[in-house]
Amino acid sequence: MNLSALDLNLLVVLEALLQERSVTRAGRRVGLSQPATSHALRRLRAELGDPLLVKAAGGLALTPRANQLRPHLEQALRSARSVFSPPVEFDPAAWAGEMRLSLNDYNEVLLLPRLHARVRAEAPALDLRVRPIGAAGRELDENEIDLAAATFALPPPHLRVRVVMREGFCCIVRRDHPVLARGLDLDTYCACEHLLIAPRGDARGLADDVLQSMGRTRRVALTTPHFVVAPHLVAATDLVLTLPTRLAVHMARLLPVTVLPVPLSMAPFSVAIAWHPRTDGDAGQAWFRALWADEAGKLGDGGT
C-alpha cells in the first residue's frame, strides 16, 4: 500500500461514519455536505473493498469488516493527533531519564556537586552520567553525549556553544613554602620549579607563552593531566602551580596550600557548554542547560 497515493483525510470521515452510522451526522461532524460525505464513503468502499455501512432497520449497520477496522482506525487517528498536539508543559519533577555529560575534572569538582544537589531537589528521577572530556564534537554528533563542558577554542561551527563563566588565573604553593617569606614577584616566579596541568601531556602552557613574549622562561619540572590532582602535588612539594582562580580558592579550603596572585598579565578564558542543535527544542535538555548556567553563575568572581 502506497500511503502517498491515498487521501488520509478519508480516515477522519471513516471514523465519523463508523461512530455516527449516519452520512448526514458524519458530514456535519467533519464539516462536509451530505453529497461530499457520500462521495467520501464511495471512495472508502472502493479503497477497502467492502461496503462498510449497509442499510438496516433504524439507519445504517456496520459490516464485519467495519467492526474489525474500528479499533485500528481509532488507534491510528489517536497517534496522528498526538503528533500535532502541542507539547505537554515540561515538569522537571516528572522527568525520568539520563543526562550524559562529558566534563574535565575542573568542571567536575566545581560544578558537579552543585548540579547533583539541584537535580535531586528539582528532578529527582533524573540521573547524571559523566565521562571524561574527549572528542566532544564527534560524541555530540553521534548522540553519545547530551552536553559537553570545557574551554572550546574552536568548536565545530554547527554545534551550539554557550559561555557560562569567565575564569582568571592565580598561583598556589604549600603553606610553608619559602617563597611566602619574600613574595612571588616575576623574578621569583621564573626561578621556581613549576607544576603544569597538561591534559595532553605538553610541557608548555599559557604562562610559558606570556613569559616568552617578555623574554623570560620558567622550568616546568612536573606535569599532570588532572586539575584536581595538581593541588595535592603542590601541598607535598616546593612546586608552584598556576591554575584557574575558582579552583585554587576551592582547593585552598581543603588542602594546606596558599593562594597568591600570578605575577603575569594572563588573559582570562571562557568556560562553556556545548550541545547539538537537534536538542534545541527539547524542554528537558533546555532546562538542564539553564540550570548549569545558573549554577556556574553562582560560583562568584574568577579573578576576571
Protein backbone atom coordinates (compact mmCIF):
# COMPACT_ATOMS: atom_id res chain seq x y z
CA MET A 1 0.00 0.00 0.00
CA ASN A 2 1.40 3.36 -1.09
CA LEU A 3 0.19 5.83 1.54
CA SER A 4 1.33 8.81 -0.52
CA ALA A 5 -1.32 7.87 -3.10
CA LEU A 6 -4.12 7.92 -0.52
CA ASP A 7 -6.16 10.81 0.83
CA LEU A 8 -5.64 10.28 4.55
CA ASN A 9 -8.44 12.75 5.28
CA LEU A 10 -10.73 9.85 4.37
CA LEU A 11 -9.76 8.23 7.67
CA VAL A 12 -11.32 11.12 9.59
CA VAL A 13 -14.53 10.72 7.57
CA LEU A 14 -14.48 6.97 8.13
CA GLU A 15 -14.15 7.47 11.88
CA ALA A 16 -17.18 9.77 11.89
CA LEU A 17 -19.21 7.36 9.73
CA LEU A 18 -18.45 4.35 11.92
CA GLN A 19 -19.30 6.25 15.10
CA GLU A 20 -22.37 8.14 13.86
CA ARG A 21 -23.73 5.46 11.50
CA SER A 22 -25.30 8.26 9.51
CA VAL A 23 -23.99 10.05 6.43
CA THR A 24 -25.73 13.29 7.42
CA ARG A 25 -24.47 13.34 11.02
CA ALA A 26 -20.98 12.22 9.98
CA GLY A 27 -20.77 15.04 7.41
CA ARG A 28 -21.93 17.59 9.95
CA ARG A 29 -19.29 16.36 12.39
CA VAL A 30 -16.36 16.75 9.95
CA GLY A 31 -17.70 19.86 8.20
CA LEU A 32 -18.75 18.23 4.89
CA SER A 33 -22.00 18.40 3.00
CA GLN A 34 -24.09 15.25 2.65
CA PRO A 35 -23.12 14.77 -1.04
CA ALA A 36 -19.42 15.22 -0.21
CA THR A 37 -19.70 12.70 2.65
CA SER A 38 -21.48 10.23 0.38
CA HIS A 39 -18.70 10.65 -2.19
CA ALA A 40 -16.09 10.00 0.53
CA LEU A 41 -17.95 6.84 1.55
CA ARG A 42 -17.91 5.59 -2.05
CA ARG A 43 -14.16 6.17 -2.22
CA LEU A 44 -13.63 4.35 1.09
CA ARG A 45 -15.67 1.41 -0.14
CA ALA A 46 -13.55 1.25 -3.29
CA GLU A 47 -10.26 1.51 -1.42
CA LEU A 48 -11.19 -1.07 1.23
CA GLY A 49 -13.19 -3.42 -0.98
CA ASP A 50 -16.10 -3.52 1.47
CA PRO A 51 -19.44 -1.66 1.79
CA LEU A 52 -18.55 -0.73 5.41
CA LEU A 53 -22.08 0.51 6.22
CA VAL A 54 -25.29 -1.08 4.94
CA LYS A 55 -28.94 -0.13 5.32
CA ALA A 56 -30.66 -1.66 8.31
CA ALA A 57 -33.71 -1.03 10.45
CA GLY A 58 -33.30 2.38 12.07
CA GLY A 59 -30.35 3.54 9.94
CA LEU A 60 -27.01 2.05 8.89
CA ALA A 61 -25.25 -1.00 10.29
CA LEU A 62 -21.53 -1.78 10.28
CA THR A 63 -20.26 -4.71 8.28
CA PRO A 64 -17.91 -7.25 9.95
CA ARG A 65 -15.04 -5.60 8.10
CA ALA A 66 -16.01 -2.20 9.51
CA ASN A 67 -16.17 -3.60 13.04
CA GLN A 68 -12.75 -5.14 12.53
CA LEU A 69 -11.34 -1.79 11.39
CA ARG A 70 -12.69 0.34 14.25
CA PRO A 71 -10.02 -0.27 16.93
CA HIS A 72 -7.17 0.05 14.39
CA LEU A 73 -8.66 3.24 12.98
CA GLU A 74 -9.12 4.78 16.42
CA GLN A 75 -5.53 3.92 17.39
CA ALA A 76 -4.11 5.32 14.14
CA LEU A 77 -6.00 8.61 14.46
CA ARG A 78 -5.16 8.91 18.15
CA SER A 79 -1.47 8.55 17.26
CA ALA A 80 -1.77 11.04 14.40
CA ARG A 81 -3.48 13.60 16.63
CA SER A 82 -0.76 13.23 19.26
CA VAL A 83 1.86 14.13 16.64
CA PHE A 84 0.20 17.51 16.06
CA SER A 85 -0.82 18.17 19.64
CA PRO A 86 1.06 20.93 21.50
CA PRO A 87 3.83 19.55 23.71
CA VAL A 88 2.97 18.82 27.30
CA GLU A 89 4.33 21.50 29.63
CA PHE A 90 7.69 20.32 30.93
CA ASP A 91 7.81 19.35 34.60
CA PRO A 92 11.32 18.59 35.92
CA ALA A 93 9.85 16.68 38.85
CA ALA A 94 8.37 14.16 36.40
CA TRP A 95 11.45 13.78 34.21
CA ALA A 96 12.88 10.27 34.50
CA GLY A 97 15.94 9.56 32.39
CA GLU A 98 19.62 10.37 31.99
CA MET A 99 21.77 13.33 31.07
CA ARG A 100 25.04 12.18 29.51
CA LEU A 101 27.84 14.65 30.20
CA SER A 102 31.42 15.00 29.00
CA LEU A 103 33.47 17.01 31.52
CA ASN A 104 37.02 17.67 32.61
CA ASP A 105 37.75 17.41 36.32
CA TYR A 106 37.78 21.22 36.70
CA ASN A 107 34.04 21.21 35.92
CA GLU A 108 33.50 18.03 37.91
CA VAL A 109 34.92 19.37 41.17
CA LEU A 110 33.41 22.86 40.92
CA LEU A 111 30.01 22.22 39.36
CA LEU A 112 29.04 18.57 39.64
CA PRO A 113 28.20 18.66 43.39
CA ARG A 114 26.04 21.75 42.86
CA LEU A 115 24.33 20.25 39.82
CA HIS A 116 23.66 17.00 41.63
CA ALA A 117 22.05 18.86 44.53
CA ARG A 118 19.82 20.90 42.20
CA VAL A 119 18.83 17.86 40.17
CA ARG A 120 17.97 15.88 43.29
CA ALA A 121 15.80 18.75 44.51
CA GLU A 122 14.05 19.56 41.23
CA ALA A 123 14.24 16.42 39.06
CA PRO A 124 14.80 13.53 41.49
CA ALA A 125 14.27 10.82 38.87
CA LEU A 126 16.96 12.23 36.55
CA ASP A 127 20.37 10.53 36.64
CA LEU A 128 23.66 12.11 35.55
CA ARG A 129 26.20 10.05 33.60
CA VAL A 130 29.68 11.60 33.30
CA ARG A 131 32.57 10.63 31.05
CA PRO A 132 35.96 12.33 30.63
CA ILE A 133 36.14 15.16 28.13
CA GLY A 134 37.29 13.79 24.79
CA ALA A 135 36.23 14.29 21.20
CA ALA A 136 33.16 16.27 22.25
CA GLY A 137 32.20 17.28 18.72
CA ARG A 138 32.10 13.70 17.47
CA GLU A 139 30.36 12.47 20.63
CA LEU A 140 27.66 15.09 20.25
CA ASP A 141 27.29 14.39 16.53
CA GLU A 142 26.90 10.67 17.16
CA ASN A 143 24.50 11.19 20.08
CA GLU A 144 26.83 9.57 22.59
CA ILE A 145 26.51 12.52 24.98
CA ASP A 146 23.96 15.29 25.56
CA LEU A 147 26.26 18.07 26.76
CA ALA A 148 29.98 18.84 27.00
CA ALA A 149 31.61 21.43 29.25
CA ALA A 150 35.14 22.73 28.71
CA THR A 151 37.11 25.54 27.11
CA PHE A 152 36.27 25.35 23.42
CA ALA A 153 38.87 27.25 21.43
CA LEU A 154 37.48 26.31 18.00
CA PRO A 155 34.22 24.38 18.43
CA PRO A 156 32.66 22.85 15.30
CA PRO A 157 30.53 25.63 13.77
CA HIS A 158 27.35 23.55 13.70
CA LEU A 159 27.32 23.00 17.48
CA ARG A 160 25.61 25.29 19.96
CA VAL A 161 28.02 26.83 22.47
CA ARG A 162 27.12 28.96 25.49
CA VAL A 163 29.72 30.66 27.67
CA VAL A 164 28.70 30.16 31.29
CA MET A 165 31.59 31.91 33.07
CA ARG A 166 34.91 33.64 32.62
CA GLU A 167 37.88 32.42 34.60
CA GLY A 168 41.17 34.05 35.61
CA PHE A 169 44.45 32.70 36.96
CA CYS A 170 46.38 32.69 40.22
CA CYS A 171 49.13 30.61 41.83
CA ILE A 172 49.19 28.23 44.76
CA VAL A 173 52.09 26.97 46.87
CA ARG A 174 52.26 24.85 50.01
CA ARG A 175 51.56 26.83 53.16
CA ASP A 176 55.16 26.77 54.43
CA HIS A 177 56.79 27.35 51.05
CA PRO A 178 59.94 29.54 51.23
CA VAL A 179 58.52 31.89 48.62
CA LEU A 180 55.93 33.16 51.08
CA ALA A 181 58.59 34.99 53.09
CA ARG A 182 59.69 37.17 50.17
CA GLY A 183 56.61 37.25 47.93
CA LEU A 184 56.04 35.92 44.44
CA ASP A 185 57.33 38.55 42.04
CA LEU A 186 58.24 37.84 38.42
CA ASP A 187 61.90 37.03 39.13
CA THR A 188 60.94 34.62 41.91
CA TYR A 189 58.25 33.07 39.71
CA CYS A 190 60.78 32.39 36.96
CA ALA A 191 63.32 30.98 39.43
CA CYS A 192 60.91 28.48 40.96
CA GLU A 193 60.18 24.99 39.68
CA HIS A 194 56.65 24.64 38.36
CA LEU A 195 53.87 22.11 38.08
CA LEU A 196 51.77 22.32 34.92
CA ILE A 197 48.27 20.95 34.35
CA ALA A 198 48.63 19.47 30.87
CA PRO A 199 45.66 17.34 29.74
CA ARG A 200 47.54 16.36 26.56
CA GLY A 201 50.91 15.94 28.25
CA ASP A 202 52.52 19.11 26.86
CA ALA A 203 55.24 20.74 28.97
CA ARG A 204 54.20 24.21 27.85
CA GLY A 205 51.19 26.25 28.89
CA LEU A 206 49.69 29.70 28.58
CA ALA A 207 52.06 31.11 31.21
CA ASP A 208 55.03 30.00 29.09
CA ASP A 209 53.65 31.85 26.08
CA VAL A 210 53.29 35.02 28.15
CA LEU A 211 56.82 34.64 29.57
CA GLN A 212 58.25 34.13 26.09
CA SER A 213 56.65 37.39 24.94
CA MET A 214 58.53 39.04 27.83
CA GLY A 215 61.84 37.33 27.01
CA ARG A 216 61.57 35.16 30.13
CA THR A 217 61.30 31.42 30.82
CA ARG A 218 60.48 29.07 33.66
CA ARG A 219 61.17 25.41 34.37
CA VAL A 220 58.22 23.03 34.28
CA ALA A 221 59.51 20.21 36.45
CA LEU A 222 56.32 18.13 36.57
CA THR A 223 53.13 17.80 34.54
CA THR A 224 49.82 16.13 35.33
CA PRO A 225 46.68 15.89 33.21
CA HIS A 226 44.38 16.34 36.22
CA PHE A 227 43.17 19.64 37.68
CA VAL A 228 42.21 18.01 40.97
CA VAL A 229 45.45 16.02 41.43
CA ALA A 230 47.69 19.05 40.87
CA PRO A 231 46.90 20.89 44.17
CA HIS A 232 47.64 17.69 46.11
CA LEU A 233 51.07 17.58 44.46
CA VAL A 234 51.67 21.23 45.35
CA ALA A 235 50.80 20.57 49.00
CA ALA A 236 53.57 17.97 49.19
CA THR A 237 56.33 19.72 47.18
CA ASP A 238 58.05 23.05 46.58
CA LEU A 239 56.42 23.36 43.16
CA VAL A 240 54.45 26.44 42.11
CA LEU A 241 51.18 25.87 40.27
CA THR A 242 49.39 28.39 38.07
CA LEU A 243 45.75 27.40 37.79
CA PRO A 244 42.20 28.77 37.44
CA THR A 245 41.26 31.04 40.33
CA ARG A 246 37.97 29.42 41.33
CA LEU A 247 39.62 26.02 41.57
CA ALA A 248 42.57 27.45 43.54
CA VAL A 249 40.25 29.06 46.09
CA HIS A 250 38.22 25.86 46.38
CA MET A 251 41.27 23.64 46.89
CA ALA A 252 42.79 26.06 49.43
CA ARG A 253 39.81 25.30 51.65
CA LEU A 254 40.64 21.61 51.54
CA LEU A 255 44.44 21.44 51.41
CA PRO A 256 47.40 23.16 53.14
CA VAL A 257 48.07 25.49 50.20
CA THR A 258 48.17 29.28 49.89
CA VAL A 259 46.71 31.29 47.01
CA LEU A 260 48.93 34.04 45.52
CA PRO A 261 48.45 36.48 42.65
CA VAL A 262 50.14 35.40 39.45
CA PRO A 263 52.90 37.94 38.58
CA LEU A 264 51.98 37.86 34.89
CA SER A 265 49.35 39.50 32.75
CA MET A 266 47.34 36.43 31.73
CA ALA A 267 44.09 36.91 29.84
CA PRO A 268 41.07 35.15 31.33
CA PHE A 269 39.48 32.25 29.49
CA SER A 270 35.89 31.21 28.86
CA VAL A 271 34.24 28.11 30.26
CA ALA A 272 31.39 26.98 28.05
CA ILE A 273 28.84 24.25 27.49
CA ALA A 274 28.22 22.74 24.06
CA TRP A 275 25.34 20.72 22.69
CA HIS A 276 23.96 19.54 19.37
CA PRO A 277 21.25 21.66 17.69
CA ARG A 278 18.95 18.65 17.44
CA THR A 279 18.22 19.11 21.17
CA ASP A 280 17.39 22.83 20.89
CA GLY A 281 13.68 22.11 21.17
CA ASP A 282 13.93 19.52 23.93
CA ALA A 283 12.39 21.13 27.02
CA GLY A 284 14.23 18.85 29.44
CA GLN A 285 17.65 19.50 27.99
CA ALA A 286 16.96 23.23 27.74
CA TRP A 287 16.01 23.19 31.44
CA PHE A 288 19.25 21.39 32.32
CA ARG A 289 21.38 23.81 30.30
CA ALA A 290 19.74 26.75 32.08
CA LEU A 291 20.35 25.06 35.42
CA TRP A 292 24.02 24.59 34.52
CA ALA A 293 24.43 28.25 33.57
CA ASP A 294 22.67 29.32 36.75
CA GLU A 295 24.95 27.26 38.98
CA ALA A 296 28.06 28.41 37.10
CA GLY A 297 26.98 32.00 37.66
CA LYS A 298 26.80 31.41 41.40
CA LEU A 299 30.46 30.44 41.68
CA GLY A 300 31.49 34.05 42.18
CA ASP A 301 34.37 36.05 40.79
CA GLY A 302 37.00 34.08 38.92
CA GLY A 303 39.57 36.85 39.03
CA THR A 304 38.47 38.22 35.66
